[in-house]
Amino acid sequence: MKKRDYYIIGTALFLAVVLTASALFRGSALETGSWGLSFSTEGQPPTGSASIDQLSKLDAVFLGDTSKKTIYLTFDAGYENSGTAKILDALAAHQVKACFFLVGNYIEKNPDLVKRMVAEGHIVGNHTAHHYDMSKISDMESFSKELKELEDLYQQAVGEPLPKYYRPPQGIYSQENLEMAQKLGYKTVFWSLAYVDWNNDSQPTKEEAFSKLLPRIHNGAVVLLHSTSKTNADILDELLTQWENMGYTFGSIEDLFSAHNESL
């Protein structure tokens, strides 16, 4: 074989390796978009917009250990709608610890409620200062500023550092955003069960809420509820009772990440 032939073969092999690696990289990258779920079987975990493996590399989760009947309860709050105290009462009655993802406006206007959350053993997470579409922020300085401003407001209100758990506003995310959150020491929390509870002009009835939240509950569920929902405030005590009667217990966000790591 001539020297020129070896060169051609070597070049071809090199290009094949590069193209294969590139394809694998593209396959592992997350597409920018809104977090979504697909339920195929009642009572079983859904499929998310990104896989468990893809998310785990970025310190992100949407599901806990599916071998255990554990629920991880989270609330998003952009403002106060007079229902949070009732929600906290129900959580206390059932000895359930939740994570509240708050925005800057909420902490500024409701420091006493934030202090109560912390005093009762709940975690407050970072939902950003202004609830922007973070996927449109591509530089670390601007991304960090949104999270840091919320950290500062929490520190002023509570007197201690904010736990480093992040939930993208509206569930909109990008590979870059999750990488930046990870570099800032944050763990990102998506969800595996939610329903349309955020529209205060069209609140679901108790029956409509239960028709989504009972049959779709599953092992390792990360549940997203909005504390602005009057329906949620009214049904939470009964909802927790029904889940308990189905054999579920409740874990904290710290438990979620340790359980997730053990299951990998």
Protein backbone atom coordinates (compact mmCIF):
# COMPACT_ATOMS: atom_id res chain seq x y z
CA MET A 1 0.00 0.00 0.00
CA LYS A 2 1.34 3.43 -0.94
CA LYS A 3 2.07 6.15 1.58
CA ARG A 4 -0.66 8.27 0.01
CA ASP A 5 -3.22 5.48 0.62
CA TYR A 6 -2.28 5.31 4.31
CA TYR A 7 -2.80 9.05 4.53
CA ILE A 8 -6.26 8.86 2.96
CA ILE A 9 -7.31 5.97 5.22
CA GLY A 10 -5.97 7.74 8.30
CA THR A 11 -7.79 10.94 7.41
CA ALA A 12 -11.03 9.05 6.81
CA LEU A 13 -10.77 7.27 10.16
CA PHE A 14 -10.07 10.55 11.95
CA LEU A 15 -13.10 12.23 10.36
CA ALA A 16 -15.29 9.24 11.26
CA VAL A 17 -14.24 9.50 14.92
CA VAL A 18 -14.88 13.25 14.97
CA LEU A 19 -18.31 12.91 13.36
CA THR A 20 -19.30 10.09 15.70
CA ALA A 21 -18.23 12.09 18.76
CA SER A 22 -20.09 15.12 17.45
CA ALA A 23 -23.26 13.09 16.94
CA LEU A 24 -23.00 11.66 20.44
CA PHE A 25 -22.52 15.13 21.88
CA ARG A 26 -25.56 16.46 20.03
CA GLY A 27 -27.57 13.51 21.24
CA SER A 28 -26.71 14.24 24.86
CA ALA A 29 -27.37 17.98 24.65
CA LEU A 30 -30.70 19.35 25.86
CA GLU A 31 -32.91 21.27 23.49
CA THR A 32 -34.12 24.63 24.78
CA GLY A 33 -37.79 24.53 25.68
CA SER A 34 -40.47 24.28 28.35
CA TRP A 35 -40.47 21.31 30.69
CA GLY A 36 -43.14 18.82 29.69
CA LEU A 37 -44.39 15.38 30.69
CA SER A 38 -45.97 12.44 28.92
CA PHE A 39 -48.07 10.00 30.97
CA SER A 40 -48.56 6.60 29.35
CA THR A 41 -49.75 4.45 32.27
CA GLU A 42 -51.87 5.51 35.24
CA GLY A 43 -49.93 5.42 38.49
CA GLN A 44 -46.57 5.12 36.72
CA PRO A 45 -43.86 7.77 36.34
CA PRO A 46 -44.11 9.91 33.20
CA THR A 47 -41.48 10.56 30.57
CA GLY A 48 -39.94 14.03 30.81
CA SER A 49 -38.68 16.44 28.17
CA ALA A 50 -35.17 15.30 29.07
CA SER A 51 -33.95 11.96 30.35
CA ILE A 52 -32.89 11.22 33.90
CA ASP A 53 -29.32 10.60 32.69
CA GLN A 54 -29.14 13.88 30.77
CA LEU A 55 -30.37 15.84 33.77
CA SER A 56 -28.20 14.06 36.32
CA LYS A 57 -25.05 15.25 34.56
CA LEU A 58 -26.25 18.80 35.24
CA ASP A 59 -27.28 18.21 38.89
CA ALA A 60 -30.94 18.32 37.86
CA VAL A 61 -33.82 15.96 38.61
CA PHE A 62 -37.52 15.57 37.94
CA LEU A 63 -38.11 12.24 39.63
CA GLY A 64 -37.01 10.43 42.78
CA ASP A 65 -36.43 6.75 43.49
CA THR A 66 -39.26 4.94 41.69
CA SER A 67 -38.85 1.83 43.85
CA LYS A 68 -40.19 3.72 46.89
CA LYS A 69 -43.62 5.20 47.60
CA THR A 70 -42.22 8.63 48.39
CA ILE A 71 -43.57 12.01 47.28
CA TYR A 72 -41.54 15.23 47.18
CA LEU A 73 -43.83 18.22 47.50
CA THR A 74 -42.90 21.59 45.98
CA PHE A 75 -44.73 24.90 45.62
CA ASP A 76 -44.04 27.79 43.23
CA ALA A 77 -45.00 31.29 44.33
CA GLY A 78 -44.71 34.54 42.41
CA TYR A 79 -46.94 36.47 44.81
CA GLU A 80 -49.13 35.94 47.85
CA ASN A 81 -52.81 35.20 47.33
CA SER A 82 -53.90 34.68 50.97
CA GLY A 83 -53.61 30.90 50.85
CA THR A 84 -50.08 30.16 52.04
CA ALA A 85 -50.89 30.21 55.76
CA LYS A 86 -53.61 27.59 55.19
CA ILE A 87 -51.15 25.50 53.13
CA LEU A 88 -48.58 25.72 55.92
CA ASP A 89 -51.23 24.67 58.45
CA ALA A 90 -52.04 21.55 56.40
CA LEU A 91 -48.36 20.67 55.98
CA ALA A 92 -47.83 21.04 59.73
CA ALA A 93 -50.84 18.86 60.53
CA HIS A 94 -49.37 16.06 58.39
CA GLN A 95 -45.74 16.73 59.38
CA VAL A 96 -44.82 17.14 55.71
CA LYS A 97 -41.82 19.22 54.67
CA ALA A 98 -42.05 21.00 51.31
CA CYS A 99 -39.88 23.24 49.16
CA PHE A 100 -41.20 26.69 48.23
CA PHE A 101 -39.63 28.21 45.12
CA LEU A 102 -40.02 31.96 45.55
CA VAL A 103 -39.35 35.05 43.45
CA GLY A 104 -37.94 38.35 44.71
CA ASN A 105 -41.25 40.16 44.95
CA TYR A 106 -42.65 37.45 47.22
CA ILE A 107 -39.79 37.64 49.70
CA GLU A 108 -39.84 41.45 49.77
CA LYS A 109 -43.57 41.65 50.50
CA ASN A 110 -44.02 38.58 52.71
CA PRO A 111 -40.97 38.19 54.96
CA ASP A 112 -43.05 36.86 57.86
CA LEU A 113 -44.43 34.01 55.74
CA VAL A 114 -40.93 33.21 54.49
CA LYS A 115 -39.67 33.13 58.08
CA ARG A 116 -42.54 30.82 59.00
CA MET A 117 -41.66 28.45 56.14
CA VAL A 118 -38.10 28.19 57.40
CA ALA A 119 -39.06 27.97 61.09
CA GLU A 120 -41.38 25.04 60.31
CA GLY A 121 -38.66 23.11 58.51
CA HIS A 122 -39.49 23.86 54.89
CA ILE A 123 -36.90 24.77 52.28
CA VAL A 124 -37.01 27.94 50.22
CA GLY A 125 -35.58 27.59 46.73
CA ASN A 126 -34.54 30.05 44.04
CA HIS A 127 -37.19 30.87 41.42
CA THR A 128 -35.11 33.92 40.35
CA ALA A 129 -35.55 37.57 41.28
CA HIS A 130 -37.86 38.59 38.42
CA HIS A 131 -39.26 35.35 36.91
CA TYR A 132 -37.74 36.03 33.49
CA ASP A 133 -37.43 33.48 30.70
CA MET A 134 -33.92 32.47 31.73
CA SER A 135 -33.25 30.61 28.48
CA LYS A 136 -32.88 34.03 26.82
CA ILE A 137 -29.99 34.87 29.14
CA SER A 138 -26.78 33.52 27.64
CA ASP A 139 -24.08 35.20 29.74
CA MET A 140 -23.06 34.06 33.20
CA GLU A 141 -23.01 37.56 34.67
CA SER A 142 -26.69 38.24 33.93
CA PHE A 143 -27.77 34.73 34.91
CA SER A 144 -25.86 34.91 38.17
CA LYS A 145 -27.31 38.35 38.96
CA GLU A 146 -30.88 36.98 38.82
CA LEU A 147 -30.07 34.24 41.30
CA LYS A 148 -27.80 36.35 43.49
CA GLU A 149 -30.44 39.07 43.93
CA LEU A 150 -32.87 36.47 45.25
CA GLU A 151 -30.17 35.09 47.56
CA ASP A 152 -29.60 38.57 49.01
CA LEU A 153 -33.31 39.16 49.62
CA TYR A 154 -33.60 35.83 51.42
CA GLN A 155 -30.52 36.56 53.53
CA GLN A 156 -31.98 39.91 54.56
CA ALA A 157 -35.36 38.39 55.43
CA VAL A 158 -34.24 35.22 57.21
CA GLY A 159 -30.68 35.95 58.29
CA GLU A 160 -29.12 32.86 56.74
CA PRO A 161 -27.94 31.75 53.27
CA LEU A 162 -30.48 30.54 50.73
CA PRO A 163 -30.38 26.77 50.08
CA LYS A 164 -29.06 26.18 46.56
CA TYR A 165 -32.05 24.67 44.80
CA TYR A 166 -33.20 26.24 41.53
CA ARG A 167 -36.40 25.98 39.52
CA PRO A 168 -36.47 27.68 36.10
CA PRO A 169 -39.37 30.16 35.79
CA GLN A 170 -42.23 28.66 33.75
CA GLY A 171 -40.12 25.53 33.44
CA ILE A 172 -38.26 27.08 30.50
CA TYR A 173 -34.67 25.88 30.35
CA SER A 174 -31.62 25.49 28.15
CA GLN A 175 -28.46 23.43 28.34
CA GLU A 176 -26.51 26.63 29.00
CA ASN A 177 -28.81 27.68 31.85
CA LEU A 178 -28.52 24.37 33.64
CA GLU A 179 -24.75 24.39 33.21
CA MET A 180 -24.57 27.92 34.66
CA ALA A 181 -26.78 26.96 37.61
CA GLN A 182 -24.54 23.97 38.23
CA LYS A 183 -21.40 26.15 38.17
CA LEU A 184 -23.04 28.41 40.76
CA GLY A 185 -23.53 25.39 43.03
CA TYR A 186 -27.25 24.94 42.38
CA LYS A 187 -29.26 21.77 41.94
CA THR A 188 -32.17 22.17 39.52
CA VAL A 189 -35.58 20.76 40.42
CA PHE A 190 -38.15 20.04 37.70
CA TRP A 191 -41.27 17.95 38.43
CA SER A 192 -43.08 14.76 37.47
CA LEU A 193 -46.63 15.78 38.39
CA ALA A 194 -48.47 19.08 38.06
CA TYR A 195 -51.84 20.35 36.85
CA VAL A 196 -53.37 23.62 35.68
CA ASP A 197 -53.71 25.32 39.06
CA TRP A 198 -52.00 28.62 38.31
CA ASN A 199 -54.84 30.50 36.56
CA ASN A 200 -56.68 32.39 39.28
CA ASP A 201 -59.37 33.45 36.79
CA SER A 202 -60.24 29.81 36.16
CA GLN A 203 -59.50 27.75 39.25
CA PRO A 204 -60.17 24.00 39.03
CA THR A 205 -62.84 22.47 41.21
CA LYS A 206 -61.88 20.03 43.95
CA GLU A 207 -63.08 17.18 41.72
CA GLU A 208 -61.02 18.38 38.76
CA ALA A 209 -57.92 18.69 40.94
CA PHE A 210 -58.32 15.22 42.43
CA SER A 211 -58.93 13.72 38.96
CA LYS A 212 -55.37 14.77 38.03
CA LEU A 213 -53.51 14.47 41.33
CA LEU A 214 -54.76 11.10 42.56
CA PRO A 215 -54.57 8.73 39.56
CA ARG A 216 -51.31 10.21 38.30
CA ILE A 217 -49.40 10.06 41.58
CA HIS A 218 -46.48 7.62 41.39
CA ASN A 219 -43.40 6.42 43.25
CA GLY A 220 -40.73 9.11 43.53
CA ALA A 221 -43.11 11.84 42.37
CA VAL A 222 -41.87 15.43 42.47
CA VAL A 223 -45.16 17.33 42.72
CA LEU A 224 -45.47 20.95 41.64
CA LEU A 225 -48.35 22.97 43.08
CA HIS A 226 -48.84 26.73 43.10
CA SER A 227 -49.44 28.25 46.50
CA THR A 228 -51.38 31.06 44.78
CA SER A 229 -54.15 28.55 44.01
CA LYS A 230 -57.25 28.84 46.22
CA THR A 231 -58.14 25.28 45.25
CA ASN A 232 -54.81 23.98 46.50
CA ALA A 233 -55.21 25.77 49.82
CA ASP A 234 -58.71 24.32 50.23
CA ILE A 235 -57.90 20.70 49.27
CA LEU A 236 -54.36 20.20 50.56
CA ASP A 237 -55.31 18.65 53.91
CA GLU A 238 -57.61 16.11 52.22
CA LEU A 239 -55.14 15.54 49.38
CA LEU A 240 -52.35 14.66 51.79
CA THR A 241 -54.70 12.32 53.66
CA GLN A 242 -55.68 10.56 50.43
CA TRP A 243 -52.05 10.12 49.37
CA GLU A 244 -51.22 8.78 52.83
CA ASN A 245 -54.10 6.33 52.58
CA MET A 246 -52.61 5.15 49.27
CA GLY A 247 -49.43 4.24 51.18
CA TYR A 248 -47.26 7.23 50.29
CA THR A 249 -44.85 9.03 52.60
CA PHE A 250 -43.17 12.37 52.03
CA GLY A 251 -39.52 13.27 51.60
CA SER A 252 -37.58 16.52 51.48
CA ILE A 253 -35.63 17.98 48.58
CA GLU A 254 -32.37 16.91 50.25
CA ASP A 255 -33.75 13.37 50.39
CA LEU A 256 -34.74 13.63 46.74
CA PHE A 257 -31.19 14.20 45.57
CA SER A 258 -29.66 11.57 47.82
CA ALA A 259 -32.32 9.03 46.76
CA HIS A 260 -31.80 9.96 43.11
CA ASN A 261 -28.03 9.47 43.36
CA GLU A 262 -28.46 6.09 45.07
CA SER A 263 -30.81 4.89 42.31
CA LEU A 264 -28.40 5.72 39.46
